[in-house]
Amino acid sequence: MIDNECVGSGQSSGDSHKAKLSFSSVTPVDVQVRNLSVQVESSTRQWKDRFPSFRKSTSDLETPQTKCLLTHIDADFPHGTLTGILGSRGSGKTTLLNVLSERMYDSNLSVQGERLHNNSTSLSSISHAYVGQTDSLLPTVTVHETLTFAASLLLPTSISRIQRAKLVDNIIVELGLKDCSNSCVGDGVRHMGCSSGGLRLISLGIELLRNPSVLFLEEPTTGLDPTSAFHIVTKLKSLTQKGVTVIMTLHQPRSDVFRMLDRVILLSQGHSLYAGVASEAVPWFERLVRPLELHRNPADYLIDIGAINVCMGAAEETAPSRISRLIAAWKSESAIRFPPLKSKLTISPVDPHDVIKAACWSCHTWTYPDIPEAEGKQS
């Protein structure tokens, strides 16, 4: 496995976050969310129609059951900031990320509230990208070939071949993939190649070809060793220095990763317990619950506060009352921190035609710096 080559480009981990990705400039986009709620309606009607043996005479089977996935979420994501969405299992992290990135669609899903992207309600009006938790890459091609092929598919025809090659080379250098650019991607099972951290960087590089103003990531550090996870987040932090709005879910981030976050959202059972500046999160809960223990990871402290461990029985009997108190406290604080937006907007269920339109790369506005072809030929 090519572990060290694919994760790291010779820079020390202490100052690598100061490096600035400079292959392109983006249009700054501020994302604002007000009173965002998500509900899903579950019904047993379709099962009773297919399997008559499951039919019962109870009336509750006829009544659709509604479950709240998110409840009254308020948050701001200024441009040039790195935001981490934290929470225990089932808190609503992935739901919030998928709703913000408009990747969650269902006929039984109801999304209500206000979302603005630079005063626009349509996410397709801005350049954005999404990096999933699973890396879907061809294992038998090289890193350079993977990015080159992706550039041919994603970039508009107005970008010449020389400019595409220059952009691919810049992304490889900036993400620290130069040493393994001619190595096979691999899959870690049948084909040897890059490590898990390297695969995550390649997936990130593919989405950076879109030149996004807003970048969504689903648990980019999950499954990685601490060094690789830190390296990934330093690259994301450097993206914010050129104006990119980075929003990601995190699962058990280590302390130095947490310190790189600009803003934090802590969720519990679909409710927001905190949404604001990362450095102010711990002081907020220290006033309400208990102080942070010496030498403890602040991220673990926050996640434990919002968690309810159903396996602990009597030890967690007071957890629901604690969570309810924290929800009420932040609800009052949110009314002060997040004033209503100027234009009253309602997000209706997305039409399937809009889904296809939003997924079409040609709908994005592409802004790339002028790369002289002569310079590309010399390189």
Protein backbone atom coordinates (compact mmCIF):
# COMPACT_ATOMS: atom_id res chain seq x y z
CA MET A 1 0.00 0.00 0.00
CA ILE A 2 1.21 3.48 -0.85
CA ASP A 3 0.45 5.10 2.49
CA ASN A 4 2.90 7.92 2.96
CA GLU A 5 3.20 8.86 -0.68
CA CYS A 6 -0.49 9.53 -1.19
CA VAL A 7 -0.97 11.38 2.07
CA GLY A 8 1.50 14.20 2.40
CA SER A 9 3.73 16.13 0.06
CA GLY A 10 6.74 16.69 2.25
CA GLN A 11 5.24 19.54 4.31
CA SER A 12 5.21 19.33 8.06
CA SER A 13 1.79 18.83 9.62
CA GLY A 14 2.27 21.86 11.81
CA ASP A 15 2.34 24.42 9.01
CA SER A 16 0.61 22.60 6.17
CA HIS A 17 -2.69 24.34 6.93
CA LYS A 18 -1.04 27.65 6.05
CA ALA A 19 -0.55 26.58 2.43
CA LYS A 20 -3.13 28.18 0.19
CA LEU A 21 -4.83 26.42 -2.68
CA SER A 22 -4.47 28.86 -5.54
CA PHE A 23 -5.40 27.02 -8.73
CA SER A 24 -8.61 29.01 -9.09
CA SER A 25 -10.69 31.76 -7.55
CA VAL A 26 -14.32 31.29 -6.55
CA THR A 27 -17.35 33.47 -6.08
CA PRO A 28 -17.91 33.86 -2.30
CA VAL A 29 -21.21 32.35 -1.18
CA ASP A 30 -22.83 32.81 2.23
CA VAL A 31 -25.33 30.10 3.21
CA GLN A 32 -28.10 30.97 5.67
CA VAL A 33 -30.61 28.57 7.19
CA ARG A 34 -33.65 29.57 9.20
CA ASN A 35 -36.26 27.39 10.88
CA LEU A 36 -35.34 24.33 8.80
CA SER A 37 -37.47 21.29 9.59
CA VAL A 38 -37.60 17.89 7.90
CA GLN A 39 -40.40 15.39 8.37
CA VAL A 40 -40.95 11.98 6.81
CA GLU A 41 -44.29 10.23 6.58
CA SER A 42 -44.33 6.46 6.85
CA SER A 43 -47.35 4.41 5.89
CA THR A 44 -48.08 0.67 5.94
CA ARG A 45 -50.64 0.87 3.14
CA GLN A 46 -48.27 -0.29 0.42
CA TRP A 47 -47.22 -3.29 2.49
CA LYS A 48 -50.82 -4.31 3.20
CA ASP A 49 -51.66 -4.10 -0.49
CA ARG A 50 -48.76 -6.39 -1.42
CA PHE A 51 -49.02 -8.77 1.53
CA PRO A 52 -52.64 -9.31 2.64
CA SER A 53 -51.49 -11.60 5.44
CA PHE A 54 -50.02 -8.56 7.23
CA ARG A 55 -53.36 -6.76 7.34
CA LYS A 56 -54.71 -6.02 10.79
CA SER A 57 -57.91 -4.44 11.98
CA THR A 58 -56.23 -1.85 14.18
CA SER A 59 -56.83 1.72 13.07
CA ASP A 60 -53.28 2.86 13.77
CA LEU A 61 -52.07 0.94 10.73
CA GLU A 62 -54.30 3.08 8.53
CA THR A 63 -52.95 6.36 9.95
CA PRO A 64 -49.63 7.52 8.44
CA GLN A 65 -46.91 8.00 11.01
CA THR A 66 -44.90 11.24 10.85
CA LYS A 67 -41.36 11.39 12.16
CA CYS A 68 -39.37 14.59 12.61
CA LEU A 69 -35.80 14.22 11.36
CA LEU A 70 -34.83 17.88 11.90
CA THR A 71 -36.64 20.49 13.96
CA HIS A 72 -36.22 24.27 13.64
CA ILE A 73 -32.55 24.42 12.67
CA ASP A 74 -30.98 27.90 12.44
CA ALA A 75 -27.41 28.34 11.20
CA ASP A 76 -25.10 30.61 9.22
CA PHE A 77 -22.27 29.41 6.98
CA PRO A 78 -20.22 32.47 5.96
CA HIS A 79 -17.94 32.22 2.97
CA GLY A 80 -14.37 31.23 3.71
CA THR A 81 -15.27 29.19 6.80
CA LEU A 82 -14.88 25.53 7.76
CA THR A 83 -17.97 24.21 9.53
CA GLY A 84 -18.21 20.85 11.27
CA ILE A 85 -21.57 19.21 12.02
CA LEU A 86 -21.22 17.09 15.16
CA GLY A 87 -23.52 14.74 17.00
CA SER A 88 -23.97 11.17 18.15
CA ARG A 89 -25.51 8.41 16.06
CA GLY A 90 -29.01 9.31 14.90
CA SER A 91 -28.67 12.99 15.75
CA GLY A 92 -29.44 14.16 12.19
CA LYS A 93 -25.96 15.06 10.89
CA THR A 94 -26.28 13.35 7.52
CA THR A 95 -29.87 14.51 7.11
CA LEU A 96 -28.87 18.13 7.59
CA LEU A 97 -25.96 17.80 5.16
CA ASN A 98 -28.10 16.11 2.51
CA VAL A 99 -30.87 18.67 2.81
CA LEU A 100 -28.40 21.54 2.52
CA SER A 101 -26.85 19.92 -0.55
CA GLU A 102 -30.29 19.04 -1.97
CA ARG A 103 -29.51 15.34 -2.21
CA MET A 104 -32.46 14.14 -0.17
CA TYR A 105 -35.65 13.59 -2.15
CA ASP A 106 -38.71 11.46 -1.49
CA SER A 107 -42.42 11.78 -2.06
CA ASN A 108 -42.99 11.25 1.68
CA LEU A 109 -40.39 13.85 2.68
CA SER A 110 -41.43 17.33 3.73
CA VAL A 111 -38.79 20.08 3.95
CA GLN A 112 -39.83 23.41 5.42
CA GLY A 113 -37.94 26.55 6.30
CA GLU A 114 -35.66 29.05 4.64
CA ARG A 115 -32.35 28.50 2.84
CA LEU A 116 -30.46 31.25 1.11
CA HIS A 117 -27.28 31.09 -0.97
CA ASN A 118 -26.24 34.70 -1.53
CA ASN A 119 -29.93 35.75 -1.46
CA SER A 120 -30.87 32.95 -3.87
CA THR A 121 -33.13 30.06 -2.86
CA SER A 122 -31.79 27.76 -5.56
CA LEU A 123 -28.62 25.79 -4.88
CA SER A 124 -28.22 25.19 -8.61
CA SER A 125 -27.61 28.92 -9.06
CA ILE A 126 -24.18 28.57 -7.43
CA SER A 127 -21.22 26.30 -8.07
CA HIS A 128 -21.18 23.52 -5.49
CA ALA A 129 -19.83 20.00 -5.01
CA TYR A 130 -20.45 17.01 -2.75
CA VAL A 131 -17.87 14.48 -1.57
CA GLY A 132 -19.46 11.32 -0.23
CA GLN A 133 -18.14 9.03 2.44
CA THR A 134 -17.54 6.18 -0.03
CA ASP A 135 -14.80 6.53 -2.64
CA SER A 136 -16.06 5.18 -5.99
CA LEU A 137 -12.95 5.06 -8.15
CA LEU A 138 -11.52 2.77 -10.83
CA PRO A 139 -8.71 0.83 -9.12
CA THR A 140 -6.69 -0.04 -12.24
CA VAL A 141 -5.96 3.48 -13.52
CA THR A 142 -3.45 5.96 -12.16
CA VAL A 143 -4.21 9.02 -10.06
CA HIS A 144 -3.31 11.35 -12.93
CA GLU A 145 -5.47 9.39 -15.38
CA THR A 146 -8.41 9.48 -12.96
CA LEU A 147 -8.32 13.25 -12.60
CA THR A 148 -7.68 13.78 -16.32
CA PHE A 149 -10.67 11.61 -17.24
CA ALA A 150 -12.85 13.44 -14.69
CA ALA A 151 -11.72 16.80 -16.11
CA SER A 152 -12.74 15.69 -19.61
CA LEU A 153 -16.23 14.85 -18.34
CA LEU A 154 -16.82 17.73 -15.95
CA LEU A 155 -15.23 20.76 -17.56
CA PRO A 156 -17.00 22.63 -20.36
CA THR A 157 -15.72 22.48 -23.92
CA SER A 158 -14.54 26.09 -23.68
CA ILE A 159 -11.63 24.87 -21.53
CA SER A 160 -8.87 23.67 -23.86
CA ARG A 161 -7.00 20.40 -23.39
CA ILE A 162 -3.86 22.25 -22.32
CA GLN A 163 -5.80 24.23 -19.72
CA ARG A 164 -7.40 21.05 -18.38
CA ALA A 165 -3.99 19.39 -18.05
CA LYS A 166 -2.65 22.46 -16.24
CA LEU A 167 -5.60 22.44 -13.84
CA VAL A 168 -5.18 18.72 -13.13
CA ASP A 169 -1.48 19.20 -12.42
CA ASN A 170 -2.23 22.10 -10.05
CA ILE A 171 -4.78 20.05 -8.11
CA ILE A 172 -2.36 17.11 -7.82
CA VAL A 173 0.35 19.37 -6.42
CA GLU A 174 -1.93 21.26 -4.04
CA LEU A 175 -3.48 18.09 -2.60
CA GLY A 176 -0.10 16.44 -2.10
CA LEU A 177 -0.64 13.67 -4.66
CA LYS A 178 2.41 14.38 -6.79
CA ASP A 179 4.48 11.46 -5.49
CA CYS A 180 1.77 8.93 -6.36
CA SER A 181 0.30 10.59 -9.47
CA ASN A 182 1.57 7.75 -11.69
CA SER A 183 0.55 4.98 -9.29
CA CYS A 184 -2.65 2.98 -9.64
CA VAL A 185 -5.55 4.12 -7.51
CA GLY A 186 -6.21 0.64 -6.11
CA ASP A 187 -9.03 -0.48 -3.88
CA GLY A 188 -7.21 -1.97 -0.90
CA VAL A 189 -8.62 -5.45 -1.60
CA ARG A 190 -7.72 -6.96 -4.95
CA HIS A 191 -5.63 -4.13 -6.39
CA MET A 192 -2.77 -2.52 -4.52
CA GLY A 193 -2.54 1.24 -4.67
CA CYS A 194 -3.21 4.35 -2.61
CA SER A 195 -4.18 4.31 1.04
CA SER A 196 -7.61 5.28 2.33
CA GLY A 197 -6.39 8.82 2.86
CA GLY A 198 -5.10 8.96 -0.69
CA LEU A 199 -8.43 7.73 -2.07
CA ARG A 200 -10.24 10.43 -0.10
CA LEU A 201 -7.91 13.08 -1.54
CA ILE A 202 -8.54 11.81 -5.07
CA SER A 203 -12.31 12.02 -4.55
CA LEU A 204 -11.82 15.56 -3.23
CA GLY A 205 -9.68 16.46 -6.24
CA ILE A 206 -12.38 15.29 -8.65
CA GLU A 207 -14.95 17.57 -7.03
CA LEU A 208 -12.50 20.48 -6.95
CA LEU A 209 -12.50 20.33 -10.75
CA ARG A 210 -15.96 21.85 -10.53
CA ASN A 211 -14.38 24.88 -8.83
CA PRO A 212 -17.10 24.94 -6.15
CA SER A 213 -18.01 27.96 -4.06
CA VAL A 214 -19.68 25.62 -1.54
CA LEU A 215 -18.21 22.21 -0.74
CA PHE A 216 -20.18 19.55 1.15
CA LEU A 217 -18.42 16.51 2.63
CA GLU A 218 -19.88 13.51 4.41
CA GLU A 219 -17.53 12.41 7.19
CA PRO A 220 -14.30 12.91 5.23
CA THR A 221 -12.15 11.64 8.14
CA THR A 222 -14.07 8.45 8.93
CA GLY A 223 -11.99 5.30 8.50
CA LEU A 224 -8.69 7.18 8.33
CA ASP A 225 -5.78 7.10 10.73
CA PRO A 226 -5.26 10.30 12.79
CA THR A 227 -2.44 11.59 10.57
CA SER A 228 -4.39 11.10 7.33
CA ALA A 229 -7.50 12.66 8.88
CA PHE A 230 -5.51 15.69 9.98
CA HIS A 231 -3.98 16.00 6.50
CA ILE A 232 -7.44 15.94 4.86
CA VAL A 233 -8.78 18.67 7.14
CA THR A 234 -5.71 20.87 6.59
CA LYS A 235 -6.42 20.75 2.86
CA LEU A 236 -10.04 21.68 3.48
CA LYS A 237 -8.91 24.50 5.74
CA SER A 238 -6.67 25.84 2.98
CA LEU A 239 -9.66 25.86 0.63
CA THR A 240 -11.45 28.30 2.93
CA GLN A 241 -8.56 30.76 2.55
CA LYS A 242 -9.61 31.37 -1.04
CA GLY A 243 -13.27 31.90 -0.14
CA VAL A 244 -14.76 28.40 -0.36
CA THR A 245 -17.57 27.62 2.10
CA VAL A 246 -16.82 24.13 3.47
CA ILE A 247 -19.56 22.23 5.31
CA MET A 248 -18.90 18.71 6.57
CA THR A 249 -20.12 16.13 9.03
CA LEU A 250 -17.53 14.74 11.44
CA HIS A 251 -17.38 11.54 13.45
CA GLN A 252 -15.15 11.68 16.52
CA PRO A 253 -12.66 14.32 15.31
CA ARG A 254 -9.45 14.57 17.29
CA SER A 255 -8.63 17.75 19.19
CA ASP A 256 -6.29 19.34 16.62
CA VAL A 257 -8.92 18.78 13.90
CA PHE A 258 -11.56 20.42 16.09
CA ARG A 259 -9.32 23.45 16.64
CA MET A 260 -9.16 24.02 12.87
CA LEU A 261 -12.94 24.42 12.66
CA ASP A 262 -14.29 27.94 12.32
CA ARG A 263 -17.88 27.05 13.18
CA VAL A 264 -19.63 24.10 14.83
CA ILE A 265 -23.17 22.74 14.76
CA LEU A 266 -24.07 20.25 17.50
CA LEU A 267 -27.20 18.17 16.93
CA SER A 268 -29.16 15.86 19.19
CA GLN A 269 -32.27 13.95 18.11
CA GLY A 270 -32.77 16.33 15.19
CA HIS A 271 -32.55 19.45 17.36
CA SER A 272 -29.78 22.01 17.40
CA LEU A 273 -27.93 22.41 20.69
CA TYR A 274 -25.41 24.90 19.34
CA ALA A 275 -24.62 26.58 16.02
CA GLY A 276 -21.92 29.19 16.00
CA VAL A 277 -18.25 29.96 16.40
CA ALA A 278 -16.27 26.86 17.37
CA SER A 279 -14.22 28.59 20.06
CA GLU A 280 -17.42 29.64 21.87
CA ALA A 281 -19.03 26.19 21.93
CA VAL A 282 -17.31 24.80 25.02
CA PRO A 283 -17.86 27.96 27.14
CA TRP A 284 -21.56 27.87 26.21
CA PHE A 285 -22.05 24.34 27.56
CA GLU A 286 -19.79 24.90 30.56
CA ARG A 287 -22.29 27.48 31.76
CA LEU A 288 -25.19 25.06 31.28
CA VAL A 289 -23.86 21.59 32.12
CA ARG A 290 -20.37 20.98 33.46
CA PRO A 291 -16.86 22.25 32.80
CA LEU A 292 -14.56 20.60 30.30
CA GLU A 293 -12.22 18.12 31.98
CA LEU A 294 -8.50 18.79 31.81
CA HIS A 295 -6.75 17.30 28.75
CA ARG A 296 -10.02 16.11 27.25
CA ASN A 297 -10.88 16.42 23.57
CA PRO A 298 -13.41 19.28 23.19
CA ALA A 299 -15.18 17.39 20.38
CA ASP A 300 -15.73 14.35 22.63
CA TYR A 301 -17.00 16.66 25.35
CA LEU A 302 -19.59 18.21 23.01
CA ILE A 303 -20.74 14.90 21.52
CA ASP A 304 -21.15 13.33 24.97
CA ILE A 305 -23.29 16.25 26.12
CA GLY A 306 -25.73 15.74 23.25
CA ALA A 307 -25.79 11.93 23.40
CA ILE A 308 -28.32 9.63 25.00
CA ASN A 309 -26.95 6.15 25.62
CA VAL A 310 -29.97 3.85 25.73
CA CYS A 311 -27.74 0.92 26.75
CA MET A 312 -26.84 2.46 30.09
CA GLY A 313 -30.34 2.20 31.51
CA ALA A 314 -30.70 3.96 34.87
CA ALA A 315 -27.50 5.91 34.36
CA GLU A 316 -29.10 7.74 31.46
CA GLU A 317 -32.52 8.39 32.98
CA THR A 318 -31.71 12.08 33.37
CA ALA A 319 -30.36 12.45 29.81
CA PRO A 320 -33.72 13.31 28.17
CA SER A 321 -34.36 16.08 30.67
CA ARG A 322 -30.83 17.40 30.14
CA ILE A 323 -31.27 17.40 26.36
CA SER A 324 -34.65 19.13 26.65
CA ARG A 325 -33.09 21.84 28.81
CA LEU A 326 -30.25 22.37 26.33
CA ILE A 327 -32.69 22.52 23.41
CA ALA A 328 -34.77 25.16 25.17
CA ALA A 329 -31.70 27.19 26.09
CA TRP A 330 -30.39 27.26 22.52
CA LYS A 331 -33.83 28.00 21.11
CA SER A 332 -33.91 31.19 23.16
CA GLU A 333 -30.36 32.04 22.11
CA SER A 334 -31.12 31.36 18.44
CA ALA A 335 -33.85 33.98 18.44
CA ILE A 336 -31.13 36.55 19.27
CA ARG A 337 -28.28 35.23 17.13
CA PHE A 338 -30.29 34.41 14.01
CA PRO A 339 -32.77 37.15 13.13
CA PRO A 340 -35.35 36.42 10.42
CA LEU A 341 -34.16 36.78 6.87
CA LYS A 342 -35.30 39.79 4.90
CA SER A 343 -37.30 37.83 2.36
CA LYS A 344 -39.81 35.30 3.61
CA LEU A 345 -39.28 32.11 1.69
CA THR A 346 -40.75 28.63 1.89
CA ILE A 347 -38.97 25.58 0.57
CA SER A 348 -41.48 23.34 -1.12
CA PRO A 349 -40.84 19.70 -2.05
CA VAL A 350 -38.46 19.51 -4.98
CA ASP A 351 -39.86 18.63 -8.37
CA PRO A 352 -38.11 15.66 -10.08
CA HIS A 353 -37.31 17.85 -13.07
CA ASP A 354 -35.44 20.23 -10.75
CA VAL A 355 -33.41 17.30 -9.44
CA ILE A 356 -32.20 16.48 -12.94
CA LYS A 357 -31.49 20.15 -13.59
CA ALA A 358 -29.51 20.53 -10.37
CA ALA A 359 -27.45 17.42 -11.15
CA CYS A 360 -26.48 18.67 -14.59
CA TRP A 361 -22.96 20.06 -14.54
CA SER A 362 -23.76 22.41 -17.37
CA CYS A 363 -26.05 24.37 -15.06
CA HIS A 364 -23.06 25.59 -13.04
CA THR A 365 -21.26 28.82 -13.75
CA TRP A 366 -17.65 27.94 -14.42
CA THR A 367 -15.01 30.49 -13.49
CA TYR A 368 -11.40 29.57 -14.06
CA PRO A 369 -8.35 31.79 -14.35
CA ASP A 370 -6.95 32.37 -17.79
CA ILE A 371 -4.15 29.88 -18.35
CA PRO A 372 -2.15 30.85 -21.43
CA GLU A 373 -1.76 27.92 -23.78
CA ALA A 374 1.83 28.91 -24.45
CA GLU A 375 2.61 28.49 -20.78
CA GLY A 376 0.96 25.11 -20.82
CA LYS A 377 3.04 23.99 -23.78
CA GLN A 378 6.24 25.02 -22.05
CA SER A 379 5.31 23.02 -19.01
